């Protein structure tokens, strides 16, 4: 497989840049803050045994996760060490060399890189001219006799797009009609800017739907490394569990305890993130409104990331490089989201608005434009 472009870029800049303006997660908390919010004593983990845990995940953790779905029980949940392990495991288990998969683009790179290492893959592009709409007819047209799986991500990374309920229902119907797995990356669910746009979770909507989620994004707890796949197809879930034996085997005991506590106060954590997002988004929109000669901004549907267009001279790659090297402001240029399946936009960049200190980063961004903007004006 080719290098993971996003992680390679982050390995160079994520902890070096002074202003991380492209983070995909929400602002986190300390262990002490989480314990306080959960009403737990400071020594709540003092007596925790640091032995192996269950491969499936702790029973009470799986029950807490299942409670976030409408139709599932703990037996429908398999925990992973973050979301990436879930992506990798699902693709390795559900796809064989003579299969075919369909993947929506743009996407989180692993969604296409891993299946491409296994079988033939067709990309279906979200339509930027229609606010990144997913066209179910395009998915239908891509289906082959050996198609086995459709992979989507909503709210989408990096665009923040969410399909209409009608389009998502049609996607489910197509998968059911052709007996396909629907792998649905839902890590930004519950961060919709308008809750009325929230769509069903694949595991609730479809008997062969696999819902991927994690504590990292909406809950702002990436350091726990607790993710999961929820699925009503017990046979498929059992196969995923057996593959996990070759990977992490089991999750961290302290992380499982803290994740269970966090899910017990999920609405508190979610509202904390939503409040910060609303404030940051207002600042972002004011910023981009001042610089319409350089940027084309459209409000995303959900998640804490957006994918504006750079309209200046010299291209987005040169702009992002100069911005991080000279001003310490980190954005992700379009090349990070290059697809091997089809052409993807080359003039966009990812900006994040889920973390604290947005004002400080935007001030540095503004100063860079004031000093260097003439070099990039169209």
Protein backbone atom coordinates (compact mmCIF):
# COMPACT_ATOMS: atom_id res chain seq x y z
CA UNK A 1 0.00 0.00 0.00
CA UNK A 2 1.14 3.56 -0.65
CA UNK A 3 2.12 5.73 2.28
CA UNK A 4 -0.74 7.19 4.30
CA UNK A 5 -0.42 10.75 3.00
CA UNK A 6 -2.29 12.42 5.86
CA UNK A 7 -0.36 10.67 8.61
CA UNK A 8 2.95 11.21 6.80
CA UNK A 9 2.19 14.93 6.56
CA UNK A 10 1.14 15.04 10.21
CA UNK A 11 4.28 13.22 11.30
CA UNK A 12 6.23 16.19 9.99
CA UNK A 13 4.00 19.06 11.07
CA UNK A 14 1.31 18.09 13.63
CA UNK A 15 3.42 18.70 16.73
CA UNK A 16 5.77 21.22 15.14
CA UNK A 17 3.33 23.80 13.78
CA UNK A 18 2.31 26.44 16.31
CA UNK A 19 -1.29 26.57 15.13
CA UNK A 20 -2.97 23.26 14.30
CA UNK A 21 -5.83 24.60 12.19
CA UNK A 22 -6.70 21.35 10.44
CA UNK A 23 -7.35 18.99 13.38
CA UNK A 24 -10.08 16.45 12.68
CA UNK A 25 -10.96 15.88 16.33
CA UNK A 26 -12.72 18.00 18.94
CA UNK A 27 -11.05 19.63 21.93
CA UNK A 28 -10.11 17.01 24.50
CA UNK A 29 -10.06 17.01 28.29
CA UNK A 30 -7.70 15.72 30.97
CA UNK A 31 -8.35 12.50 32.85
CA UNK A 32 -9.09 14.58 35.93
CA UNK A 33 -11.62 16.72 34.07
CA UNK A 34 -13.36 13.64 32.68
CA UNK A 35 -13.57 12.04 36.12
CA UNK A 36 -15.03 15.23 37.56
CA UNK A 37 -17.61 15.53 34.78
CA UNK A 38 -18.56 11.89 35.33
CA UNK A 39 -18.90 12.42 39.08
CA UNK A 40 -16.07 10.00 39.84
CA UNK A 41 -13.38 10.36 42.52
CA UNK A 42 -9.85 11.27 41.47
CA UNK A 43 -8.64 7.77 42.34
CA UNK A 44 -11.41 6.00 40.43
CA UNK A 45 -8.89 3.90 38.49
CA UNK A 46 -6.55 3.20 41.39
CA UNK A 47 -7.78 -0.36 41.94
CA UNK A 48 -8.10 -1.23 38.25
CA UNK A 49 -6.35 -4.48 37.35
CA UNK A 50 -3.99 -3.96 34.42
CA UNK A 51 -4.36 -7.38 32.88
CA UNK A 52 -5.71 -8.40 29.50
CA UNK A 53 -9.25 -7.40 28.62
CA UNK A 54 -11.91 -9.16 26.52
CA UNK A 55 -11.27 -9.07 22.77
CA UNK A 56 -14.86 -7.96 22.11
CA UNK A 57 -14.55 -5.15 24.66
CA UNK A 58 -15.76 -4.90 28.23
CA UNK A 59 -19.43 -5.94 28.56
CA UNK A 60 -20.53 -2.66 30.17
CA UNK A 61 -18.66 -0.65 27.54
CA UNK A 62 -20.41 -2.55 24.76
CA UNK A 63 -23.74 -2.01 26.48
CA UNK A 64 -23.04 1.71 26.67
CA UNK A 65 -22.13 1.77 22.98
CA UNK A 66 -25.20 -0.26 22.00
CA UNK A 67 -27.36 2.30 23.81
CA UNK A 68 -26.27 4.89 21.22
CA UNK A 69 -28.15 2.89 18.54
CA UNK A 70 -31.88 2.36 18.10
CA UNK A 71 -32.02 -1.39 17.49
CA UNK A 72 -28.77 -2.93 18.75
CA UNK A 73 -27.62 -4.84 21.80
CA UNK A 74 -24.13 -5.34 23.24
CA UNK A 75 -23.80 -8.53 21.17
CA UNK A 76 -23.85 -6.36 18.03
CA UNK A 77 -20.75 -4.39 19.06
CA UNK A 78 -17.05 -5.20 18.61
CA UNK A 79 -14.48 -2.77 20.04
CA UNK A 80 -11.19 -1.82 18.41
CA UNK A 81 -8.07 0.16 19.21
CA UNK A 82 -9.37 3.29 17.51
CA UNK A 83 -11.31 3.55 14.24
CA UNK A 84 -8.40 2.76 11.91
CA UNK A 85 -8.10 -0.79 13.21
CA UNK A 86 -11.81 -1.21 12.48
CA UNK A 87 -11.42 0.02 8.90
CA UNK A 88 -8.45 -2.25 8.27
CA UNK A 89 -10.10 -5.31 9.83
CA UNK A 90 -13.40 -4.90 8.02
CA UNK A 91 -11.80 -4.58 4.60
CA UNK A 92 -9.45 -7.52 5.16
CA UNK A 93 -12.28 -9.74 6.37
CA UNK A 94 -15.15 -8.79 4.06
CA UNK A 95 -13.23 -8.53 0.77
CA UNK A 96 -11.39 -11.21 -1.21
CA UNK A 97 -9.09 -10.93 -4.23
CA UNK A 98 -11.86 -11.64 -6.75
CA UNK A 99 -14.33 -9.18 -5.19
CA UNK A 100 -15.13 -5.60 -6.15
CA UNK A 101 -15.78 -2.66 -3.83
CA UNK A 102 -17.27 0.81 -4.28
CA UNK A 103 -15.84 3.74 -2.32
CA UNK A 104 -17.09 7.31 -2.13
CA UNK A 105 -14.52 10.06 -2.84
CA UNK A 106 -13.09 12.26 -1.44
CA UNK A 107 -12.48 10.11 1.57
CA UNK A 108 -10.31 9.13 4.50
CA UNK A 109 -7.45 7.49 2.61
CA UNK A 110 -7.62 4.09 4.32
CA UNK A 111 -11.17 3.68 2.98
CA UNK A 112 -9.75 3.16 -0.50
CA UNK A 113 -6.09 2.24 0.07
CA UNK A 114 -6.85 -0.89 2.08
CA UNK A 115 -9.46 -2.35 -0.31
CA UNK A 116 -7.24 -1.45 -3.29
CA UNK A 117 -4.60 -3.72 -1.78
CA UNK A 118 -7.14 -6.55 -1.90
CA UNK A 119 -9.36 -6.25 -4.96
CA UNK A 120 -10.70 -3.98 -7.69
CA UNK A 121 -12.29 -0.78 -6.45
CA UNK A 122 -14.48 1.83 -8.15
CA UNK A 123 -14.77 5.39 -6.88
CA UNK A 124 -18.04 7.31 -6.81
CA UNK A 125 -17.44 11.03 -6.47
CA UNK A 126 -19.51 13.33 -4.33
CA UNK A 127 -20.77 16.17 -6.54
CA UNK A 128 -19.12 19.43 -5.42
CA UNK A 129 -21.49 21.45 -7.61
CA UNK A 130 -24.41 20.14 -5.53
CA UNK A 131 -22.87 20.68 -2.10
CA UNK A 132 -21.04 17.34 -2.31
CA UNK A 133 -24.17 15.32 -2.98
CA UNK A 134 -24.02 11.54 -3.13
CA UNK A 135 -25.87 10.31 -6.23
CA UNK A 136 -27.37 6.88 -5.51
CA UNK A 137 -27.71 6.28 -9.26
CA UNK A 138 -23.93 6.61 -9.58
CA UNK A 139 -23.52 3.91 -6.95
CA UNK A 140 -26.02 1.71 -8.76
CA UNK A 141 -24.18 2.21 -12.06
CA UNK A 142 -20.88 1.14 -10.48
CA UNK A 143 -22.18 -2.23 -9.24
CA UNK A 144 -20.71 -5.33 -10.88
CA UNK A 145 -21.65 -9.00 -10.50
CA UNK A 146 -18.79 -9.42 -8.02
CA UNK A 147 -19.40 -6.24 -6.02
CA UNK A 148 -19.42 -7.07 -2.32
CA UNK A 149 -19.18 -3.81 -0.38
CA UNK A 150 -19.98 -0.10 -0.56
CA UNK A 151 -17.97 2.24 1.68
CA UNK A 152 -19.22 5.69 2.67
CA UNK A 153 -18.32 8.35 5.24
CA UNK A 154 -20.96 10.80 6.54
CA UNK A 155 -20.59 13.48 7.77
CA UNK A 156 -17.87 13.26 5.17
CA UNK A 157 -14.16 13.66 5.79
CA UNK A 158 -13.05 16.17 4.48
CA UNK A 159 -16.12 17.97 3.10
CA UNK A 160 -18.51 17.74 6.07
CA UNK A 161 -21.29 16.74 3.65
CA UNK A 162 -24.34 14.71 4.71
CA UNK A 163 -26.67 13.10 2.16
CA UNK A 164 -30.38 13.74 2.30
CA UNK A 165 -32.39 11.14 4.16
CA UNK A 166 -33.98 10.19 0.85
CA UNK A 167 -30.62 9.60 -0.85
CA UNK A 168 -29.32 7.58 2.10
CA UNK A 169 -32.48 5.46 2.19
CA UNK A 170 -32.04 4.78 -1.52
CA UNK A 171 -28.40 3.79 -0.92
CA UNK A 172 -29.55 1.29 1.71
CA UNK A 173 -32.18 -0.05 -0.67
CA UNK A 174 -29.56 -0.52 -3.40
CA UNK A 175 -27.27 -2.43 -1.02
CA UNK A 176 -30.16 -4.61 0.11
CA UNK A 177 -31.26 -5.28 -3.46
CA UNK A 178 -27.76 -6.47 -4.41
CA UNK A 179 -26.94 -8.10 -1.04
CA UNK A 180 -23.95 -5.81 -0.42
CA UNK A 181 -22.27 -4.84 2.81
CA UNK A 182 -22.63 -1.14 3.60
CA UNK A 183 -19.56 0.05 5.51
CA UNK A 184 -20.41 3.40 7.01
CA UNK A 185 -17.81 5.62 8.69
CA UNK A 186 -19.92 7.60 11.17
CA UNK A 187 -17.21 9.09 13.38
CA UNK A 188 -18.60 12.65 12.99
CA UNK A 189 -22.21 11.70 13.62
CA UNK A 190 -23.88 13.81 16.34
CA UNK A 191 -21.85 16.85 15.24
CA UNK A 192 -24.37 17.89 12.59
CA UNK A 193 -24.70 21.68 12.45
CA UNK A 194 -28.43 21.13 11.92
CA UNK A 195 -29.69 18.07 13.80
CA UNK A 196 -32.55 17.78 11.30
CA UNK A 197 -29.99 16.62 8.72
CA UNK A 198 -28.88 13.66 10.84
CA UNK A 199 -29.28 10.37 8.99
CA UNK A 200 -29.76 6.85 10.35
CA UNK A 201 -26.82 4.76 11.40
CA UNK A 202 -26.13 1.98 8.90
CA UNK A 203 -26.30 -0.76 11.55
CA UNK A 204 -29.81 0.37 12.49
CA UNK A 205 -30.98 0.92 8.93
CA UNK A 206 -29.71 -2.26 7.30
CA UNK A 207 -29.07 -5.86 8.35
CA UNK A 208 -25.72 -5.87 6.50
CA UNK A 209 -24.73 -2.37 7.56
CA UNK A 210 -21.52 -1.87 9.53
CA UNK A 211 -21.34 1.35 11.55
CA UNK A 212 -17.84 2.53 12.41
CA UNK A 213 -17.45 4.96 15.29
CA UNK A 214 -14.88 6.06 17.85
CA UNK A 215 -14.43 8.15 21.00
CA UNK A 216 -11.95 10.40 19.16
CA UNK A 217 -14.08 12.83 17.15
CA UNK A 218 -17.50 13.82 18.50
CA UNK A 219 -16.52 13.05 22.09
CA UNK A 220 -13.07 14.65 21.84
CA UNK A 221 -11.22 11.72 23.42
CA UNK A 222 -8.73 10.43 20.81
CA UNK A 223 -6.15 9.50 23.43
CA UNK A 224 -8.39 6.69 24.67
CA UNK A 225 -7.99 4.81 21.36
CA UNK A 226 -11.42 3.21 21.71
CA UNK A 227 -13.37 2.60 18.53
CA UNK A 228 -15.98 0.06 17.45
CA UNK A 229 -17.96 -1.51 14.67
CA UNK A 230 -21.66 -2.14 15.24
CA UNK A 231 -23.40 -4.68 13.02
CA UNK A 232 -26.47 -6.93 13.27
CA UNK A 233 -24.81 -9.56 11.07
CA UNK A 234 -23.33 -11.69 13.87
CA UNK A 235 -21.46 -13.98 11.48
CA UNK A 236 -19.57 -11.05 9.95
CA UNK A 237 -18.87 -9.58 13.37
CA UNK A 238 -17.49 -12.91 14.60
CA UNK A 239 -15.08 -13.01 11.66
CA UNK A 240 -13.91 -9.50 12.46
CA UNK A 241 -13.30 -10.51 16.08
CA UNK A 242 -11.13 -13.43 15.00
CA UNK A 243 -9.06 -11.16 12.75
CA UNK A 244 -8.55 -8.76 15.65
CA UNK A 245 -6.67 -11.59 17.39
CA UNK A 246 -3.82 -10.88 14.94
CA UNK A 247 -3.83 -7.14 15.64
CA UNK A 248 -4.42 -5.45 18.99
CA UNK A 249 -5.99 -8.59 20.56
CA UNK A 250 -7.75 -6.43 23.14
CA UNK A 251 -8.11 -2.84 24.29
CA UNK A 252 -6.49 -0.95 27.15
CA UNK A 253 -8.24 -1.53 30.47
CA UNK A 254 -7.94 2.12 31.64
CA UNK A 255 -9.23 3.32 28.27
CA UNK A 256 -12.24 1.04 28.48
CA UNK A 257 -13.10 2.33 31.97
CA UNK A 258 -12.75 5.96 30.91
CA UNK A 259 -14.73 5.41 27.70
CA UNK A 260 -17.57 3.81 29.66
CA UNK A 261 -17.63 6.79 32.01
CA UNK A 262 -17.60 9.18 29.06
CA UNK A 263 -20.54 7.48 27.38
CA UNK A 264 -22.41 7.78 30.66
CA UNK A 265 -22.21 11.57 30.26
CA UNK A 266 -22.27 11.62 26.47
CA UNK A 267 -24.72 14.51 26.16
CA UNK A 268 -22.56 16.66 28.42
CA UNK A 269 -19.48 15.95 26.30
CA UNK A 270 -21.32 16.43 23.04
CA UNK A 271 -22.84 19.76 24.04
CA UNK A 272 -19.41 20.95 25.17
CA UNK A 273 -18.03 20.20 21.71
CA UNK A 274 -21.04 21.62 19.86
CA UNK A 275 -20.80 24.89 21.78
CA UNK A 276 -17.13 25.25 20.89
CA UNK A 277 -17.83 24.36 17.25
CA UNK A 278 -20.56 27.00 16.94
CA UNK A 279 -18.26 29.67 18.33
CA UNK A 280 -15.33 28.64 16.12
CA UNK A 281 -17.50 28.36 13.03
CA UNK A 282 -18.73 31.93 13.50
CA UNK A 283 -15.11 33.10 13.64
CA UNK A 284 -14.19 31.08 10.55
CA UNK A 285 -17.09 32.44 8.53
CA UNK A 286 -16.20 36.02 9.48
CA UNK A 287 -12.58 35.36 8.51
CA UNK A 288 -13.40 33.90 5.10
CA UNK A 289 -15.92 36.67 4.42
CA UNK A 290 -13.02 39.13 4.69
CA UNK A 291 -10.93 37.21 2.15
CA UNK A 292 -13.27 36.28 -0.69
CA UNK A 293 -10.55 37.06 -3.23
CA UNK A 294 -8.52 34.10 -1.97
CA UNK A 295 -11.08 31.61 -0.68
CA UNK A 296 -14.45 30.15 -1.62
CA UNK A 297 -16.10 29.10 1.65
CA UNK A 298 -19.25 27.03 2.07
CA UNK A 299 -20.61 25.96 5.44
CA UNK A 300 -20.36 22.16 5.96
CA UNK A 301 -23.34 20.05 7.06
CA UNK A 302 -21.61 18.39 9.97
CA UNK A 303 -18.41 17.33 11.65
CA UNK A 304 -15.73 19.74 12.85
CA UNK A 305 -13.91 20.07 9.50
CA UNK A 306 -14.56 21.86 6.21
CA UNK A 307 -13.03 21.82 2.73
CA UNK A 308 -12.86 25.39 1.35
CA UNK A 309 -11.51 26.20 -2.11
CA UNK A 310 -8.35 28.24 -2.60
CA UNK A 311 -8.92 30.65 -5.49
CA UNK A 312 -5.64 32.51 -5.33
CA UNK A 313 -2.60 32.40 -7.59
CA UNK A 314 0.09 29.74 -7.35
CA UNK A 315 -2.09 26.87 -6.15
CA UNK A 316 -3.17 25.54 -2.79
CA UNK A 317 -0.08 23.37 -2.28
CA UNK A 318 2.31 26.32 -2.41
CA UNK A 319 -0.02 28.40 -0.26
CA UNK A 320 -0.30 25.77 2.50
CA UNK A 321 3.46 25.17 2.45
CA UNK A 322 4.23 28.86 2.82
CA UNK A 323 1.59 29.24 5.52
CA UNK A 324 2.98 26.51 7.75
CA UNK A 325 6.67 27.27 7.14
CA UNK A 326 6.40 31.03 7.62
CA UNK A 327 3.45 31.45 10.00
CA UNK A 328 3.26 28.06 11.70
CA UNK A 329 -0.39 27.61 10.61
CA UNK A 330 -1.13 24.02 9.60
CA UNK A 331 -3.77 23.19 6.98
CA UNK A 332 -4.13 20.05 4.85
CA UNK A 333 -3.78 20.76 1.11
CA UNK A 334 -5.77 18.90 -1.53
CA UNK A 335 -2.93 16.50 -2.38
CA UNK A 336 -3.54 14.75 0.95
CA UNK A 337 -6.91 13.67 -0.42
CA UNK A 338 -5.64 12.48 -3.79
CA UNK A 339 -7.50 9.39 -4.93
CA UNK A 340 -6.16 6.55 -7.03
CA UNK A 341 -9.70 5.83 -8.19
CA UNK A 342 -10.59 9.07 -9.97
CA UNK A 343 -9.80 12.77 -10.19
CA UNK A 344 -10.36 14.70 -6.97
CA UNK A 345 -10.27 18.47 -6.35
CA UNK A 346 -6.79 19.99 -6.49
CA UNK A 347 -7.67 23.47 -5.20
CA UNK A 348 -9.02 22.80 -1.71
CA UNK A 349 -7.73 22.45 1.83
CA UNK A 350 -9.05 21.03 5.07
CA UNK A 351 -9.59 23.33 8.02
CA UNK A 352 -10.72 22.14 11.45
CA UNK A 353 -12.90 24.03 13.92
CA UNK A 354 -13.35 21.63 16.82
CA UNK A 355 -10.47 22.72 19.04
CA UNK A 356 -9.88 25.62 21.39
CA UNK A 357 -7.74 28.70 20.58
CA UNK A 358 -9.26 29.23 17.14
CA UNK A 359 -8.77 33.00 17.56
CA UNK A 360 -5.01 32.64 18.02
CA UNK A 361 -4.65 30.52 14.89
CA UNK A 362 -6.81 32.84 12.82
CA UNK A 363 -4.80 35.85 13.98
CA UNK A 364 -1.61 34.21 12.69
CA UNK A 365 -3.43 33.25 9.48
CA UNK A 366 -4.62 36.86 9.07
CA UNK A 367 -1.15 38.25 9.69
CA UNK A 368 0.28 35.96 7.01
CA UNK A 369 -2.32 37.15 4.48
CA UNK A 370 -1.74 40.79 5.35
CA UNK A 371 1.98 40.35 4.79
CA UNK A 372 2.00 37.94 1.86
CA UNK A 373 -1.46 38.09 0.33
CA UNK A 374 -0.31 40.08 -2.68
CA UNK A 375 1.85 37.14 -3.75
CA UNK A 376 -1.24 34.94 -4.03
CA UNK A 377 -3.87 37.37 -5.32
CA UNK A 378 -5.43 36.14 -8.58
